[in-house]
Amino acid sequence: MSAAKKIAHYIRTGWKLSAYHCPVCNNPLVEKENRYYCAVCDREVKVVRDEAEYRKALMEGVLERLRSSLIEAINQVMQVEDWAFNEKYLGLLEKYLELIAKVNRALKE
């Protein structure tokens, strides 16, 4: 499907064309309820208007990647046979979960 058809589909479903463009593909973004979306790349795009918003969006991205890495580490521990009976693995899981809780708190601030 062409870029124009993808964008038109979103417009027909209640989104409006915005003045902003996707930083990846340079196609216009669609907007709804202050959320911006690239219909071509099929992902939400954060629009920042100043340096403070840029830093906040950057930090949110870093924290989201950190949380994903911690969840992956938890999954790796749980692949180990008898992990639930090993103090080393239980200690790791406890630390990972504490870090995830801290990341979640930071994302809410």
PDB file of N, CA and C in Angstrom:
ATOM      1  N   MET A   1       0.855  -1.172   0.000  1.00  0.00           N
ATOM      2  CA  MET A   1       0.000   0.000   0.000  1.00  0.00           C
ATOM      3  C   MET A   1       0.902   1.237   0.000  1.00  0.00           C
ATOM      4  N   SER A   2       0.530   2.229  -0.756  1.00  0.00           N
ATOM      5  CA  SER A   2       1.329   3.449  -0.866  1.00  0.00           C
ATOM      6  C   SER A   2       1.230   4.286   0.409  1.00  0.00           C
ATOM      7  N   ALA A   3       2.187   5.185   0.584  1.00  0.00           N
ATOM      8  CA  ALA A   3       2.197   6.069   1.747  1.00  0.00           C
ATOM      9  C   ALA A   3       0.915   6.888   1.796  1.00  0.00           C
ATOM     10  N   ALA A   4       0.495   7.425   0.657  1.00  0.00           N
ATOM     11  CA  ALA A   4      -0.715   8.254   0.621  1.00  0.00           C
ATOM     12  C   ALA A   4      -1.943   7.457   1.053  1.00  0.00           C
ATOM     13  N   LYS A   5      -2.047   6.202   0.644  1.00  0.00           N
ATOM     14  CA  LYS A   5      -3.195   5.374   1.027  1.00  0.00           C
ATOM     15  C   LYS A   5      -3.169   5.061   2.518  1.00  0.00           C
ATOM     16  N   LYS A   6      -1.988   4.827   3.062  1.00  0.00           N
ATOM     17  CA  LYS A   6      -1.876   4.545   4.498  1.00  0.00           C
ATOM     18  C   LYS A   6      -2.303   5.765   5.313  1.00  0.00           C
ATOM     19  N   ILE A   7      -1.831   6.935   4.908  1.00  0.00           N
ATOM     20  CA  ILE A   7      -2.191   8.172   5.609  1.00  0.00           C
ATOM     21  C   ILE A   7      -3.689   8.438   5.470  1.00  0.00           C
ATOM     22  N   ALA A   8      -4.215   8.238   4.279  1.00  0.00           N
ATOM     23  CA  ALA A   8      -5.645   8.464   4.036  1.00  0.00           C
ATOM     24  C   ALA A   8      -6.498   7.536   4.905  1.00  0.00           C
ATOM     25  N   HIS A   9      -6.041   6.325   5.105  1.00  0.00           N
ATOM     26  CA  HIS A   9      -6.775   5.394   5.966  1.00  0.00           C
ATOM     27  C   HIS A   9      -6.925   5.972   7.377  1.00  0.00           C
ATOM     28  N   TYR A  10      -5.850   6.515   7.928  1.00  0.00           N
ATOM     29  CA  TYR A  10      -5.921   7.105   9.278  1.00  0.00           C
ATOM     30  C   TYR A  10      -6.836   8.328   9.296  1.00  0.00           C
ATOM     31  N   ILE A  11      -6.779   9.139   8.261  1.00  0.00           N
ATOM     32  CA  ILE A  11      -7.634  10.326   8.196  1.00  0.00           C
ATOM     33  C   ILE A  11      -9.108   9.913   8.176  1.00  0.00           C
ATOM     34  N   ARG A  12      -9.419   8.855   7.428  1.00  0.00           N
ATOM     35  CA  ARG A  12     -10.801   8.360   7.380  1.00  0.00           C
ATOM     36  C   ARG A  12     -11.275   7.827   8.730  1.00  0.00           C
ATOM     37  N   THR A  13     -10.340   7.418   9.586  1.00  0.00           N
ATOM     38  CA  THR A  13     -10.729   6.862  10.885  1.00  0.00           C
ATOM     39  C   THR A  13     -10.656   7.886  12.015  1.00  0.00           C
ATOM     40  N   GLY A  14     -10.571   9.190  11.668  1.00  0.00           N
ATOM     41  CA  GLY A  14     -10.667  10.227  12.684  1.00  0.00           C
ATOM     42  C   GLY A  14      -9.378  10.950  13.020  1.00  0.00           C
ATOM     43  N   TRP A  15      -8.259  10.533  12.454  1.00  0.00           N
ATOM     44  CA  TRP A  15      -7.006  11.252  12.672  1.00  0.00           C
ATOM     45  C   TRP A  15      -6.971  12.446  11.741  1.00  0.00           C
ATOM     46  N   LYS A  16      -6.152  13.454  12.063  1.00  0.00           N
ATOM     47  CA  LYS A  16      -6.007  14.585  11.150  1.00  0.00           C
ATOM     48  C   LYS A  16      -4.536  14.716  10.753  1.00  0.00           C
ATOM     49  N   LEU A  17      -4.318  15.276   9.608  1.00  0.00           N
ATOM     50  CA  LEU A  17      -2.970  15.478   9.106  1.00  0.00           C
ATOM     51  C   LEU A  17      -2.316  16.594   9.907  1.00  0.00           C
ATOM     52  N   SER A  18      -1.084  16.362  10.346  1.00  0.00           N
ATOM     53  CA  SER A  18      -0.392  17.379  11.136  1.00  0.00           C
ATOM     54  C   SER A  18       0.650  18.090  10.272  1.00  0.00           C
ATOM     55  N   ALA A  19       1.235  19.120  10.828  1.00  0.00           N
ATOM     56  CA  ALA A  19       2.286  19.863  10.129  1.00  0.00           C
ATOM     57  C   ALA A  19       3.655  19.218  10.335  1.00  0.00           C
ATOM     58  N   TYR A  20       3.721  18.197  11.177  1.00  0.00           N
ATOM     59  CA  TYR A  20       4.995  17.536  11.473  1.00  0.00           C
ATOM     60  C   TYR A  20       5.242  16.373  10.532  1.00  0.00           C
ATOM     61  N   HIS A  21       6.521  16.024  10.395  1.00  0.00           N
ATOM     62  CA  HIS A  21       6.918  14.911   9.524  1.00  0.00           C
ATOM     63  C   HIS A  21       7.701  13.878  10.312  1.00  0.00           C
ATOM     64  N   CYS A  22       7.639  12.649   9.861  1.00  0.00           N
ATOM     65  CA  CYS A  22       8.345  11.543  10.502  1.00  0.00           C
ATOM     66  C   CYS A  22       9.854  11.745  10.361  1.00  0.00           C
ATOM     67  N   PRO A  23      10.606  11.597  11.454  1.00  0.00           N
ATOM     68  CA  PRO A  23      12.059  11.756  11.361  1.00  0.00           C
ATOM     69  C   PRO A  23      12.739  10.606  10.624  1.00  0.00           C
ATOM     70  N   VAL A  24      12.034   9.506  10.404  1.00  0.00           N
ATOM     71  CA  VAL A  24      12.610   8.345   9.723  1.00  0.00           C
ATOM     72  C   VAL A  24      12.320   8.377   8.222  1.00  0.00           C
ATOM     73  N   CYS A  25      11.037   8.502   7.859  1.00  0.00           N
ATOM     74  CA  CYS A  25      10.666   8.413   6.442  1.00  0.00           C
ATOM     75  C   CYS A  25      10.279   9.753   5.820  1.00  0.00           C
ATOM     76  N   ASN A  26      10.159  10.798   6.637  1.00  0.00           N
ATOM     77  CA  ASN A  26       9.824  12.159   6.208  1.00  0.00           C
ATOM     78  C   ASN A  26       8.404  12.319   5.657  1.00  0.00           C
ATOM     79  N   ASN A  27       7.531  11.364   5.909  1.00  0.00           N
ATOM     80  CA  ASN A  27       6.136  11.504   5.519  1.00  0.00           C
ATOM     81  C   ASN A  27       5.393  12.266   6.603  1.00  0.00           C
ATOM     82  N   PRO A  28       4.277  12.920   6.240  1.00  0.00           N
ATOM     83  CA  PRO A  28       3.512  13.667   7.252  1.00  0.00           C
ATOM     84  C   PRO A  28       2.982  12.745   8.340  1.00  0.00           C
ATOM     85  N   LEU A  29       2.952  13.273   9.555  1.00  0.00           N
ATOM     86  CA  LEU A  29       2.381  12.527  10.670  1.00  0.00           C
ATOM     87  C   LEU A  29       0.899  12.837  10.767  1.00  0.00           C
ATOM     88  N   VAL A  30       0.148  11.878  11.289  1.00  0.00           N
ATOM     89  CA  VAL A  30      -1.254  12.127  11.606  1.00  0.00           C
ATOM     90  C   VAL A  30      -1.335  12.338  13.111  1.00  0.00           C
ATOM     91  N   GLU A  31      -2.371  13.083  13.535  1.00  0.00           N
ATOM     92  CA  GLU A  31      -2.474  13.461  14.947  1.00  0.00           C
ATOM     93  C   GLU A  31      -3.890  13.228  15.442  1.00  0.00           C
ATOM     94  N   LYS A  32      -3.967  12.745  16.684  1.00  0.00           N
ATOM     95  CA  LYS A  32      -5.259  12.557  17.341  1.00  0.00           C
ATOM     96  C   LYS A  32      -5.020  12.642  18.838  1.00  0.00           C
ATOM     97  N   GLU A  33      -5.744  13.531  19.520  1.00  0.00           N
ATOM     98  CA  GLU A  33      -5.660  13.690  20.971  1.00  0.00           C
ATOM     99  C   GLU A  33      -4.213  13.925  21.429  1.00  0.00           C
ATOM    100  N   ASN A  34      -3.511  14.800  20.723  1.00  0.00           N
ATOM    101  CA  ASN A  34      -2.121  15.157  21.025  1.00  0.00           C
ATOM    102  C   ASN A  34      -1.155  13.986  20.929  1.00  0.00           C
ATOM    103  N   ARG A  35      -1.497  12.975  20.169  1.00  0.00           N
ATOM    104  CA  ARG A  35      -0.602  11.853  19.871  1.00  0.00           C
ATOM    105  C   ARG A  35      -0.302  11.906  18.384  1.00  0.00           C
ATOM    106  N   TYR A  36       0.942  11.697  18.036  1.00  0.00           N
ATOM    107  CA  TYR A  36       1.368  11.747  16.644  1.00  0.00           C
ATOM    108  C   TYR A  36       1.796  10.358  16.207  1.00  0.00           C
ATOM    109  N   TYR A  37       1.430  10.023  14.970  1.00  0.00           N
ATOM    110  CA  TYR A  37       1.667   8.674  14.481  1.00  0.00           C
ATOM    111  C   TYR A  37       2.122   8.730  13.034  1.00  0.00           C
ATOM    112  N   CYS A  38       3.105   7.883  12.699  1.00  0.00           N
ATOM    113  CA  CYS A  38       3.523   7.751  11.307  1.00  0.00           C
ATOM    114  C   CYS A  38       2.810   6.536  10.733  1.00  0.00           C
ATOM    115  N   ALA A  39       1.912   6.781   9.804  1.00  0.00           N
ATOM    116  CA  ALA A  39       1.150   5.694   9.194  1.00  0.00           C
ATOM    117  C   ALA A  39       2.038   4.821   8.313  1.00  0.00           C
ATOM    118  N   VAL A  40       3.105   5.388   7.794  1.00  0.00           N
ATOM    119  CA  VAL A  40       3.997   4.646   6.900  1.00  0.00           C
ATOM    120  C   VAL A  40       4.919   3.724   7.702  1.00  0.00           C
ATOM    121  N   CYS A  41       5.538   4.246   8.755  1.00  0.00           N
ATOM    122  CA  CYS A  41       6.426   3.446   9.604  1.00  0.00           C
ATOM    123  C   CYS A  41       5.644   2.602  10.614  1.00  0.00           C
ATOM    124  N   ASP A  42       4.350   2.912  10.783  1.00  0.00           N
ATOM    125  CA  ASP A  42       3.465   2.204  11.699  1.00  0.00           C
ATOM    126  C   ASP A  42       3.957   2.287  13.138  1.00  0.00           C
ATOM    127  N   ARG A  43       4.224   3.521  13.585  1.00  0.00           N
ATOM    128  CA  ARG A  43       4.637   3.716  14.970  1.00  0.00           C
ATOM    129  C   ARG A  43       4.349   5.135  15.435  1.00  0.00           C
ATOM    130  N   GLU A  44       4.213   5.247  16.759  1.00  0.00           N
ATOM    131  CA  GLU A  44       3.987   6.552  17.367  1.00  0.00           C
ATOM    132  C   GLU A  44       5.286   7.348  17.331  1.00  0.00           C
ATOM    133  N   VAL A  45       5.151   8.656  17.164  1.00  0.00           N
ATOM    134  CA  VAL A  45       6.304   9.552  17.108  1.00  0.00           C
ATOM    135  C   VAL A  45       6.127  10.605  18.187  1.00  0.00           C
ATOM    136  N   LYS A  46       7.156  10.820  18.976  1.00  0.00           N
ATOM    137  CA  LYS A  46       7.124  11.873  19.996  1.00  0.00           C
ATOM    138  C   LYS A  46       7.507  13.186  19.322  1.00  0.00           C
ATOM    139  N   VAL A  47       6.669  14.181  19.470  1.00  0.00           N
ATOM    140  CA  VAL A  47       6.950  15.511  18.931  1.00  0.00           C
ATOM    141  C   VAL A  47       7.383  16.385  20.093  1.00  0.00           C
ATOM    142  N   VAL A  48       8.558  16.982  19.973  1.00  0.00           N
ATOM    143  CA  VAL A  48       9.069  17.847  21.033  1.00  0.00           C
ATOM    144  C   VAL A  48       9.188  19.262  20.497  1.00  0.00           C
ATOM    145  N   ARG A  49       8.871  20.209  21.360  1.00  0.00           N
ATOM    146  CA  ARG A  49       8.842  21.604  20.925  1.00  0.00           C
ATOM    147  C   ARG A  49       9.998  22.437  21.482  1.00  0.00           C
ATOM    148  N   ASP A  50      10.690  21.885  22.498  1.00  0.00           N
ATOM    149  CA  ASP A  50      11.822  22.622  23.059  1.00  0.00           C
ATOM    150  C   ASP A  50      12.826  21.636  23.661  1.00  0.00           C
ATOM    151  N   GLU A  51      13.913  22.183  24.170  1.00  0.00           N
ATOM    152  CA  GLU A  51      14.996  21.359  24.717  1.00  0.00           C
ATOM    153  C   GLU A  51      14.543  20.526  25.916  1.00  0.00           C
ATOM    154  N   ALA A  52      13.703  21.094  26.761  1.00  0.00           N
ATOM    155  CA  ALA A  52      13.227  20.358  27.940  1.00  0.00           C
ATOM    156  C   ALA A  52      12.394  19.145  27.531  1.00  0.00           C
ATOM    157  N   GLU A  53      11.500  19.323  26.564  1.00  0.00           N
ATOM    158  CA  GLU A  53      10.701  18.196  26.075  1.00  0.00           C
ATOM    159  C   GLU A  53      11.586  17.152  25.403  1.00  0.00           C
ATOM    160  N   TYR A  54      12.618  17.608  24.700  1.00  0.00           N
ATOM    161  CA  TYR A  54      13.548  16.683  24.045  1.00  0.00           C
ATOM    162  C   TYR A  54      14.260  15.824  25.089  1.00  0.00           C
ATOM    163  N   ARG A  55      14.767  16.463  26.145  1.00  0.00           N
ATOM    164  CA  ARG A  55      15.473  15.722  27.195  1.00  0.00           C
ATOM    165  C   ARG A  55      14.536  14.721  27.887  1.00  0.00           C
ATOM    166  N   LYS A  56      13.297  15.145  28.122  1.00  0.00           N
ATOM    167  CA  LYS A  56      12.328  14.250  28.762  1.00  0.00           C
ATOM    168  C   LYS A  56      12.037  13.045  27.872  1.00  0.00           C
ATOM    169  N   ALA A  57      11.805  13.279  26.595  1.00  0.00           N
ATOM    170  CA  ALA A  57      11.527  12.180  25.665  1.00  0.00           C
ATOM    171  C   ALA A  57      12.730  11.245  25.551  1.00  0.00           C
ATOM    172  N   LEU A  58      13.918  11.809  25.534  1.00  0.00           N
ATOM    173  CA  LEU A  58      15.133  11.010  25.456  1.00  0.00           C
ATOM    174  C   LEU A  58      15.270  10.132  26.699  1.00  0.00           C
ATOM    175  N   MET A  59      15.041  10.703  27.868  1.00  0.00           N
ATOM    176  CA  MET A  59      15.132   9.943  29.111  1.00  0.00           C
ATOM    177  C   MET A  59      14.084   8.839  29.159  1.00  0.00           C
ATOM    178  N   GLU A  60      12.867   9.128  28.705  1.00  0.00           N
ATOM    179  CA  GLU A  60      11.830   8.098  28.668  1.00  0.00           C
ATOM    180  C   GLU A  60      12.246   6.934  27.781  1.00  0.00           C
ATOM    181  N   GLY A  61      12.858   7.241  26.655  1.00  0.00           N
ATOM    182  CA  GLY A  61      13.327   6.189  25.758  1.00  0.00           C
ATOM    183  C   GLY A  61      14.403   5.337  26.400  1.00  0.00           C
ATOM    184  N   VAL A  62      15.330   5.973  27.083  1.00  0.00           N
ATOM    185  CA  VAL A  62      16.404   5.244  27.775  1.00  0.00           C
ATOM    186  C   VAL A  62      15.810   4.347  28.858  1.00  0.00           C
ATOM    187  N   LEU A  63      14.885   4.886  29.635  1.00  0.00           N
ATOM    188  CA  LEU A  63      14.272   4.099  30.707  1.00  0.00           C
ATOM    189  C   LEU A  63      13.463   2.924  30.163  1.00  0.00           C
ATOM    190  N   GLU A  64      12.765   3.123  29.058  1.00  0.00           N
ATOM    191  CA  GLU A  64      12.004   2.026  28.438  1.00  0.00           C
ATOM    192  C   GLU A  64      12.940   0.920  27.958  1.00  0.00           C
ATOM    193  N   ARG A  65      14.074   1.299  27.350  1.00  0.00           N
ATOM    194  CA  ARG A  65      15.046   0.289  26.904  1.00  0.00           C
ATOM    195  C   ARG A  65      15.658  -0.437  28.089  1.00  0.00           C
ATOM    196  N   LEU A  66      15.927   0.290  29.167  1.00  0.00           N
ATOM    197  CA  LEU A  66      16.465  -0.332  30.376  1.00  0.00           C
ATOM    198  C   LEU A  66      15.475  -1.338  30.940  1.00  0.00           C
ATOM    199  N   ARG A  67      14.202  -0.948  31.019  1.00  0.00           N
ATOM    200  CA  ARG A  67      13.184  -1.870  31.525  1.00  0.00           C
ATOM    201  C   ARG A  67      13.096  -3.121  30.656  1.00  0.00           C
ATOM    202  N   SER A  68      13.154  -2.965  29.351  1.00  0.00           N
ATOM    203  CA  SER A  68      13.113  -4.126  28.448  1.00  0.00           C
ATOM    204  C   SER A  68      14.311  -5.036  28.675  1.00  0.00           C
ATOM    205  N   SER A  69      15.477  -4.447  28.873  1.00  0.00           N
ATOM    206  CA  SER A  69      16.684  -5.245  29.126  1.00  0.00           C
ATOM    207  C   SER A  69      16.570  -6.005  30.437  1.00  0.00           C
ATOM    208  N   LEU A  70      16.014  -5.375  31.463  1.00  0.00           N
ATOM    209  CA  LEU A  70      15.841  -6.044  32.748  1.00  0.00           C
ATOM    210  C   LEU A  70      14.852  -7.199  32.642  1.00  0.00           C
ATOM    211  N   ILE A  71      13.794  -7.006  31.895  1.00  0.00           N
ATOM    212  CA  ILE A  71      12.814  -8.082  31.706  1.00  0.00           C
ATOM    213  C   ILE A  71      13.455  -9.240  30.949  1.00  0.00           C
ATOM    214  N   GLU A  72      14.269  -8.934  29.954  1.00  0.00           N
ATOM    215  CA  GLU A  72      14.979  -9.985  29.228  1.00  0.00           C
ATOM    216  C   GLU A  72      15.931 -10.735  30.157  1.00  0.00           C
ATOM    217  N   ALA A  73      16.611 -10.012  31.049  1.00  0.00           N
ATOM    218  CA  ALA A  73      17.512 -10.659  32.008  1.00  0.00           C
ATOM    219  C   ALA A  73      16.734 -11.582  32.941  1.00  0.00           C
ATOM    220  N   ILE A  74      15.554 -11.164  33.366  1.00  0.00           N
ATOM    221  CA  ILE A  74      14.711 -12.017  34.210  1.00  0.00           C
ATOM    222  C   ILE A  74      14.330 -13.281  33.451  1.00  0.00           C
ATOM    223  N   ASN A  75      13.959 -13.128  32.196  1.00  0.00           N
ATOM    224  CA  ASN A  75      13.601 -14.299  31.388  1.00  0.00           C
ATOM    225  C   ASN A  75      14.774 -15.261  31.254  1.00  0.00           C
ATOM    226  N   GLN A  76      15.981 -14.733  31.109  1.00  0.00           N
ATOM    227  CA  GLN A  76      17.163 -15.591  31.002  1.00  0.00           C
ATOM    228  C   GLN A  76      17.402 -16.366  32.296  1.00  0.00           C
ATOM    229  N   VAL A  77      17.248 -15.703  33.433  1.00  0.00           N
ATOM    230  CA  VAL A  77      17.417 -16.391  34.714  1.00  0.00           C
ATOM    231  C   VAL A  77      16.397 -17.516  34.838  1.00  0.00           C
ATOM    232  N   MET A  78      15.178 -17.247  34.421  1.00  0.00           N
ATOM    233  CA  MET A  78      14.118 -18.242  34.574  1.00  0.00           C
ATOM    234  C   MET A  78      14.282 -19.426  33.622  1.00  0.00           C
ATOM    235  N   GLN A  79      15.196 -19.324  32.668  1.00  0.00           N
ATOM    236  CA  GLN A  79      15.480 -20.454  31.780  1.00  0.00           C
ATOM    237  C   GLN A  79      16.434 -21.458  32.426  1.00  0.00           C
ATOM    238  N   VAL A  80      17.122 -21.040  33.488  1.00  0.00           N
ATOM    239  CA  VAL A  80      18.071 -21.903  34.181  1.00  0.00           C
ATOM    240  C   VAL A  80      17.302 -22.946  34.991  1.00  0.00           C
ATOM    241  N   GLU A  81      17.715 -24.183  34.858  1.00  0.00           N
ATOM    242  CA  GLU A  81      17.060 -25.252  35.608  1.00  0.00           C
ATOM    243  C   GLU A  81      17.238 -25.026  37.102  1.00  0.00           C
ATOM    244  N   ASP A  82      16.189 -25.219  37.851  1.00  0.00           N
ATOM    245  CA  ASP A  82      16.184 -25.071  39.310  1.00  0.00           C
ATOM    246  C   ASP A  82      16.546 -23.662  39.780  1.00  0.00           C
ATOM    247  N   TRP A  83      16.239 -22.648  38.987  1.00  0.00           N
ATOM    248  CA  TRP A  83      16.558 -21.274  39.388  1.00  0.00           C
ATOM    249  C   TRP A  83      15.874 -20.894  40.702  1.00  0.00           C
ATOM    250  N   ALA A  84      14.701 -21.445  40.947  1.00  0.00           N
ATOM    251  CA  ALA A  84      13.934 -21.076  42.131  1.00  0.00           C
ATOM    252  C   ALA A  84      14.545 -21.604  43.420  1.00  0.00           C
ATOM    253  N   PHE A  85      15.494 -22.517  43.307  1.00  0.00           N
ATOM    254  CA  PHE A  85      16.126 -23.100  44.490  1.00  0.00           C
ATOM    255  C   PHE A  85      17.571 -22.641  44.653  1.00  0.00           C
ATOM    256  N   ASN A  86      17.958 -21.642  43.877  1.00  0.00           N
ATOM    257  CA  ASN A  86      19.336 -21.172  43.894  1.00  0.00           C
ATOM    258  C   ASN A  86      19.365 -19.739  44.415  1.00  0.00           C
ATOM    259  N   GLU A  87      20.047 -19.526  45.543  1.00  0.00           N
ATOM    260  CA  GLU A  87      20.085 -18.198  46.158  1.00  0.00           C
ATOM    261  C   GLU A  87      20.681 -17.137  45.239  1.00  0.00           C
ATOM    262  N   LYS A  88      21.663 -17.521  44.449  1.00  0.00           N
ATOM    263  CA  LYS A  88      22.292 -16.568  43.523  1.00  0.00           C
ATOM    264  C   LYS A  88      21.261 -16.033  42.538  1.00  0.00           C
ATOM    265  N   TYR A  89      20.473 -16.924  41.941  1.00  0.00           N
ATOM    266  CA  TYR A  89      19.479 -16.506  40.955  1.00  0.00           C
ATOM    267  C   TYR A  89      18.328 -15.744  41.606  1.00  0.00           C
ATOM    268  N   LEU A  90      17.937 -16.176  42.803  1.00  0.00           N
ATOM    269  CA  LEU A  90      16.878 -15.446  43.506  1.00  0.00           C
ATOM    270  C   LEU A  90      17.332 -14.033  43.859  1.00  0.00           C
ATOM    271  N   GLY A  91      18.603 -13.882  44.234  1.00  0.00           N
ATOM    272  CA  GLY A  91      19.145 -12.554  44.520  1.00  0.00           C
ATOM    273  C   GLY A  91      19.165 -11.683  43.277  1.00  0.00           C
ATOM    274  N   LEU A  92      19.540 -12.279  42.143  1.00  0.00           N
ATOM    275  CA  LEU A  92      19.525 -11.529  40.877  1.00  0.00           C
ATOM    276  C   LEU A  92      18.117 -11.069  40.533  1.00  0.00           C
ATOM    277  N   LEU A  93      17.163 -11.986  40.663  1.00  0.00           N
ATOM    278  CA  LEU A  93      15.776 -11.626  40.351  1.00  0.00           C
ATOM    279  C   LEU A  93      15.288 -10.503  41.245  1.00  0.00           C
ATOM    280  N   GLU A  94      15.626 -10.564  42.518  1.00  0.00           N
ATOM    281  CA  GLU A  94      15.220  -9.516  43.449  1.00  0.00           C
ATOM    282  C   GLU A  94      15.800  -8.163  43.020  1.00  0.00           C
ATOM    283  N   LYS A  95      17.079  -8.153  42.647  1.00  0.00           N
ATOM    284  CA  LYS A  95      17.711  -6.905  42.204  1.00  0.00           C
ATOM    285  C   LYS A  95      17.081  -6.396  40.918  1.00  0.00           C
ATOM    286  N   TYR A  96      16.827  -7.296  39.965  1.00  0.00           N
ATOM    287  CA  TYR A  96      16.200  -6.886  38.705  1.00  0.00           C
ATOM    288  C   TYR A  96      14.826  -6.284  38.954  1.00  0.00           C
ATOM    289  N   LEU A  97      14.049  -6.920  39.832  1.00  0.00           N
ATOM    290  CA  LEU A  97      12.703  -6.418  40.120  1.00  0.00           C
ATOM    291  C   LEU A  97      12.749  -5.067  40.834  1.00  0.00           C
ATOM    292  N   GLU A  98      13.708  -4.886  41.718  1.00  0.00           N
ATOM    293  CA  GLU A  98      13.870  -3.583  42.378  1.00  0.00           C
ATOM    294  C   GLU A  98      14.202  -2.503  41.356  1.00  0.00           C
ATOM    295  N   LEU A  99      15.078  -2.841  40.411  1.00  0.00           N
ATOM    296  CA  LEU A  99      15.438  -1.865  39.376  1.00  0.00           C
ATOM    297  C   LEU A  99      14.247  -1.530  38.490  1.00  0.00           C
ATOM    298  N   ILE A 100      13.454  -2.533  38.148  1.00  0.00           N
ATOM    299  CA  ILE A 100      12.260  -2.284  37.331  1.00  0.00           C
ATOM    300  C   ILE A 100      11.306  -1.356  38.087  1.00  0.00           C
ATOM    301  N   ALA A 101      11.149  -1.565  39.382  1.00  0.00           N
ATOM    302  CA  ALA A 101      10.276  -0.693  40.184  1.00  0.00           C
ATOM    303  C   ALA A 101      10.805   0.739  40.167  1.00  0.00           C
ATOM    304  N   LYS A 102      12.117   0.910  40.265  1.00  0.00           N
ATOM    305  CA  LYS A 102      12.703   2.254  40.216  1.00  0.00           C
ATOM    306  C   LYS A 102      12.491   2.896  38.847  1.00  0.00           C
ATOM    307  N   VAL A 103      12.648   2.111  37.788  1.00  0.00           N
ATOM    308  CA  VAL A 103      12.425   2.631  36.432  1.00  0.00           C
ATOM    309  C   VAL A 103      10.971   3.061  36.286  1.00  0.00           C
ATOM    310  N   ASN A 104      10.046   2.239  36.756  1.00  0.00           N
ATOM    311  CA  ASN A 104       8.620   2.581  36.672  1.00  0.00           C
ATOM    312  C   ASN A 104       8.307   3.869  37.418  1.00  0.00           C
ATOM    313  N   ARG A 105       8.903   4.041  38.595  1.00  0.00           N
ATOM    314  CA  ARG A 105       8.691   5.294  39.342  1.00  0.00           C
ATOM    315  C   ARG A 105       9.248   6.485  38.577  1.00  0.00           C
ATOM    316  N   ALA A 106      10.421   6.313  37.997  1.00  0.00           N
ATOM    317  CA  ALA A 106      11.048   7.410  37.237  1.00  0.00           C
ATOM    318  C   ALA A 106      10.194   7.776  36.022  1.00  0.00           C
ATOM    319  N   LEU A 107       9.584   6.788  35.392  1.00  0.00           N
ATOM    320  CA  LEU A 107       8.746   7.072  34.218  1.00  0.00           C
ATOM    321  C   LEU A 107       7.471   7.811  34.612  1.00  0.00           C
ATOM    322  N   LYS A 108       6.998   7.619  35.819  1.00  0.00           N
ATOM    323  CA  LYS A 108       5.776   8.298  36.265  1.00  0.00           C
ATOM    324  C   LYS A 108       6.024   9.745  36.681  1.00  0.00           C
ATOM    325  N   GLU A 109       7.286  10.098  36.965  1.00  0.00           N
ATOM    326  CA  GLU A 109       7.617  11.460  37.404  1.00  0.00           C
ATOM    327  C   GLU A 109       7.546  12.436  36.267  1.00  0.00           C
TER     328      GLU A 109
END
